[in-house]
Amino acid sequence: MDSDERVCPVCGQPVETVVRRHKTLGAWVPVWTSGPCHNPECEASADKAAESGGDHGGARAGKRS
């Protein structure tokens, strides 16, 4: 695990660490990555993406029957 603090690559502000997962040899393995930036002045801000409607969150892609 990393002991250093994660920062936003755009503005350099500290961001939270989130746990994601990927499958390796049939088992789900945790991966610690940088979370979204919540700085309102940052171009990569998660709050701006939510305002613009870029991600609806609940919509699933795939076949419809």
Protein backbone atom coordinates (compact mmCIF):
# COMPACT_ATOMS: atom_id res chain seq x y z
CA MET A 1 0.00 0.00 0.00
CA ASP A 2 1.02 3.59 -0.52
CA SER A 3 1.80 5.69 2.51
CA ASP A 4 1.94 8.99 0.60
CA GLU A 5 -1.07 11.24 0.08
CA ARG A 6 -2.76 11.16 -3.33
CA VAL A 7 -3.24 14.45 -5.20
CA CYS A 8 -5.23 15.61 -8.22
CA PRO A 9 -3.04 15.51 -11.37
CA VAL A 10 -4.59 18.78 -12.64
CA CYS A 11 -4.65 21.13 -9.62
CA GLY A 12 -2.47 19.33 -7.06
CA GLN A 13 -5.07 19.40 -4.27
CA PRO A 14 -5.27 16.33 -2.01
CA VAL A 15 -7.94 13.78 -2.99
CA GLU A 16 -9.33 10.81 -1.10
CA THR A 17 -8.16 7.27 -1.76
CA VAL A 18 -10.82 4.93 -3.11
CA VAL A 19 -10.80 1.16 -3.49
CA ARG A 20 -11.66 -0.32 -6.85
CA ARG A 21 -11.32 -3.92 -7.90
CA HIS A 22 -10.20 -5.99 -10.85
CA LYS A 23 -10.32 -9.68 -11.55
CA THR A 24 -7.06 -11.64 -11.58
CA LEU A 25 -7.02 -15.42 -12.07
CA GLY A 26 -10.71 -15.62 -11.17
CA ALA A 27 -10.43 -13.66 -7.92
CA TRP A 28 -11.39 -10.03 -7.29
CA VAL A 29 -8.33 -8.06 -6.14
CA PRO A 30 -8.56 -4.63 -4.46
CA VAL A 31 -6.74 -1.69 -6.08
CA TRP A 32 -6.29 1.59 -4.23
CA THR A 33 -6.55 4.60 -6.58
CA SER A 34 -7.08 8.34 -6.40
CA GLY A 35 -10.66 9.47 -5.94
CA PRO A 36 -12.38 12.36 -7.72
CA CYS A 37 -11.26 15.97 -7.19
CA HIS A 38 -13.78 18.14 -5.32
CA ASN A 39 -12.00 21.48 -5.88
CA PRO A 40 -14.58 23.78 -7.58
CA GLU A 41 -11.86 25.69 -9.49
CA CYS A 42 -10.29 22.50 -10.92
CA GLU A 43 -10.94 21.42 -14.52
CA ALA A 44 -11.14 17.76 -13.42
CA SER A 45 -13.64 18.47 -10.65
CA ALA A 46 -16.22 15.73 -10.07
CA ASP A 47 -18.75 18.40 -9.10
CA LYS A 48 -18.52 20.04 -12.55
CA ALA A 49 -19.05 16.68 -14.28
CA ALA A 50 -22.20 16.12 -12.22
CA GLU A 51 -23.56 19.58 -13.08
CA SER A 52 -23.01 19.15 -16.83
CA GLY A 53 -24.90 15.84 -16.84
CA GLY A 54 -21.94 13.92 -18.24
CA ASP A 55 -22.64 10.79 -16.21
CA HIS A 56 -26.12 9.63 -15.30
CA GLY A 57 -24.86 6.85 -13.04
CA GLY A 58 -27.84 4.51 -13.12
CA ALA A 59 -28.06 3.85 -16.86
CA ARG A 60 -26.84 0.43 -17.96
CA ALA A 61 -25.57 -0.28 -21.43
CA GLY A 62 -26.29 -3.58 -23.11
CA LYS A 63 -28.92 -5.63 -24.85
CA ARG A 64 -32.57 -4.89 -24.35
CA SER A 65 -35.10 -7.68 -24.55
